[in-house]
Amino acid sequence: MRYKVKFLLHLFILAGISFAIHAALYRFTSLGQTAAEFQFSLTTLYLFFGISAVVVLGILAFLPSRFADNFGFVFIGLTLLKIGITFWFFHSILGNPTGFNPSEKRQVFLVFAWFLALETYLSARILNTAQQTLDFSANPPKK
């Protein structure tokens, strides 16, 4: 149980560091002037993707052991659901080919891709930790 919560803590730390770097780039460069016109602020993006990453990793970390064989399918299904919710939530930016700043579309995509990379990395660590905790003393694996 303790190691499962550790992965969520890693997510918070990595997301916090990346948010600080992203916010510093906007504050100390000319990108901040462009970002002032965005419909969704940087904080909104990080909150949305952070909450969705916590939900995905929370489900994966506390996935019952009977679904351990389907871990990858659950991850892909949750990622596809997250893509659909993201498109619905940010439809005014992503679904509109004209009228919005292309930098805002790039920002949404980059934050999405960063959180997807974090989720993939931490999911792989959850899967590796779950495989290490299996007890093969009764039935050792066949070679």
Protein backbone atom coordinates (compact mmCIF):
# COMPACT_ATOMS: atom_id res chain seq x y z
CA MET A 1 0.00 0.00 0.00
CA ARG A 2 2.79 2.39 0.90
CA TYR A 3 4.63 1.93 -2.40
CA LYS A 4 1.40 2.66 -4.29
CA VAL A 5 1.04 6.07 -2.68
CA LYS A 6 4.72 6.76 -3.42
CA PHE A 7 3.96 6.83 -7.14
CA LEU A 8 1.32 9.51 -6.65
CA LEU A 9 3.82 11.52 -4.61
CA HIS A 10 6.34 11.23 -7.47
CA LEU A 11 3.67 12.55 -9.84
CA PHE A 12 3.02 15.59 -7.62
CA ILE A 13 6.74 16.35 -7.34
CA LEU A 14 7.44 16.02 -11.08
CA ALA A 15 4.32 18.02 -12.02
CA GLY A 16 5.21 20.73 -9.51
CA ILE A 17 8.74 21.05 -10.84
CA SER A 18 7.54 21.19 -14.45
CA PHE A 19 4.88 23.76 -13.56
CA ALA A 20 7.50 25.94 -11.86
CA ILE A 21 9.78 25.76 -14.90
CA HIS A 22 6.89 26.45 -17.29
CA ALA A 23 5.66 29.40 -15.21
CA ALA A 24 9.21 30.79 -14.96
CA LEU A 25 9.55 30.63 -18.75
CA TYR A 26 6.36 32.64 -19.09
CA ARG A 27 7.33 35.12 -16.45
CA PHE A 28 10.88 35.85 -17.55
CA THR A 29 10.52 35.64 -21.32
CA SER A 30 8.29 37.21 -23.94
CA LEU A 31 6.07 34.10 -23.88
CA GLY A 32 4.19 35.60 -20.94
CA GLN A 33 2.75 38.36 -23.10
CA THR A 34 1.41 35.80 -25.55
CA ALA A 35 0.07 33.61 -22.76
CA ALA A 36 -1.92 36.48 -21.29
CA GLU A 37 -4.29 36.21 -24.27
CA PHE A 38 -4.91 32.47 -23.83
CA GLN A 39 -8.40 31.23 -23.02
CA PHE A 40 -7.07 28.64 -20.52
CA SER A 41 -4.34 29.64 -18.11
CA LEU A 42 -1.29 27.55 -17.39
CA THR A 43 -2.64 26.81 -13.92
CA THR A 44 -5.91 25.51 -15.39
CA LEU A 45 -4.03 23.20 -17.75
CA TYR A 46 -1.81 21.78 -15.04
CA LEU A 47 -4.75 21.30 -12.68
CA PHE A 48 -6.80 19.52 -15.33
CA PHE A 49 -4.01 17.23 -16.47
CA GLY A 50 -2.73 16.74 -12.92
CA ILE A 51 -6.12 15.63 -11.65
CA SER A 52 -6.61 13.33 -14.62
CA ALA A 53 -3.13 11.83 -14.08
CA VAL A 54 -3.90 11.24 -10.39
CA VAL A 55 -7.12 9.47 -11.36
CA VAL A 56 -5.38 7.29 -13.97
CA LEU A 57 -2.46 6.38 -11.69
CA GLY A 58 -4.78 5.90 -8.73
CA ILE A 59 -6.87 3.41 -10.67
CA LEU A 60 -3.76 1.62 -11.93
CA ALA A 61 -2.04 1.56 -8.54
CA PHE A 62 -5.05 0.13 -6.77
CA LEU A 63 -6.11 -2.18 -9.59
CA PRO A 64 -7.22 -5.51 -8.14
CA SER A 65 -4.71 -8.31 -8.65
CA ARG A 66 -7.21 -10.27 -10.75
CA PHE A 67 -6.82 -7.59 -13.45
CA ALA A 68 -3.00 -7.61 -13.35
CA ASP A 69 -2.87 -9.43 -16.69
CA ASN A 70 -4.91 -6.65 -18.29
CA PHE A 71 -2.87 -3.77 -16.85
CA GLY A 72 -1.83 -2.51 -20.31
CA PHE A 73 -5.37 -2.62 -21.65
CA VAL A 74 -6.66 -0.71 -18.64
CA PHE A 75 -3.92 1.90 -19.14
CA ILE A 76 -4.73 2.29 -22.84
CA GLY A 77 -8.47 2.48 -22.11
CA LEU A 78 -7.97 5.16 -19.46
CA THR A 79 -5.65 7.09 -21.78
CA LEU A 80 -8.23 7.00 -24.60
CA LEU A 81 -10.90 8.17 -22.17
CA LYS A 82 -8.60 10.98 -21.06
CA ILE A 83 -8.01 11.98 -24.71
CA GLY A 84 -11.78 12.15 -25.27
CA ILE A 85 -12.37 14.21 -22.13
CA THR A 86 -9.47 16.50 -23.05
CA PHE A 87 -10.88 17.11 -26.51
CA TRP A 88 -14.33 17.79 -25.06
CA PHE A 89 -13.00 20.12 -22.37
CA PHE A 90 -10.64 22.03 -24.69
CA HIS A 91 -12.85 21.79 -27.78
CA SER A 92 -12.99 25.56 -28.18
CA ILE A 93 -9.22 25.53 -28.77
CA LEU A 94 -8.53 22.15 -30.35
CA GLY A 95 -11.62 21.86 -32.54
CA ASN A 96 -11.46 25.35 -34.00
CA PRO A 97 -8.98 25.62 -36.91
CA THR A 98 -9.14 29.41 -37.01
CA GLY A 99 -9.63 32.18 -34.52
CA PHE A 100 -7.24 31.00 -31.83
CA ASN A 101 -3.57 31.44 -31.25
CA PRO A 102 -1.61 28.37 -32.45
CA SER A 103 0.66 28.82 -29.43
CA GLU A 104 -2.29 27.97 -27.19
CA LYS A 105 -2.90 24.72 -29.09
CA ARG A 106 0.78 23.88 -28.75
CA GLN A 107 0.68 24.62 -25.04
CA VAL A 108 -2.29 22.27 -24.51
CA PHE A 109 -0.60 19.55 -26.54
CA LEU A 110 2.77 19.92 -24.78
CA VAL A 111 1.25 19.77 -21.30
CA PHE A 112 -0.86 16.77 -22.38
CA ALA A 113 2.21 15.02 -23.81
CA TRP A 114 4.26 15.77 -20.67
CA PHE A 115 1.63 14.29 -18.38
CA LEU A 116 1.20 11.29 -20.69
CA ALA A 117 4.95 10.68 -20.47
CA LEU A 118 4.79 10.94 -16.66
CA GLU A 119 1.84 8.55 -16.52
CA THR A 120 3.58 6.06 -18.80
CA TYR A 121 6.79 6.15 -16.78
CA LEU A 122 5.04 5.81 -13.43
CA SER A 123 2.69 3.11 -14.77
CA ALA A 124 5.68 1.08 -15.89
CA ARG A 125 7.17 1.45 -12.43
CA ILE A 126 3.88 0.33 -10.86
CA LEU A 127 3.84 -2.71 -13.13
CA ASN A 128 7.48 -3.56 -12.38
CA THR A 129 6.90 -3.20 -8.63
CA ALA A 130 3.81 -5.40 -8.83
CA GLN A 131 5.79 -8.09 -10.68
CA GLN A 132 8.61 -7.99 -8.12
CA THR A 133 6.20 -8.54 -5.24
CA LEU A 134 4.83 -11.77 -6.72
CA ASP A 135 5.76 -14.84 -4.70
CA PHE A 136 7.08 -17.68 -6.84
CA SER A 137 8.13 -19.89 -3.93
CA ALA A 138 5.22 -22.32 -4.36
CA ASN A 139 5.29 -22.43 -8.17
CA PRO A 140 8.54 -21.16 -9.64
CA PRO A 141 8.26 -19.79 -13.19
CA LYS A 142 9.10 -22.24 -15.96
CA LYS A 143 12.18 -21.61 -18.05
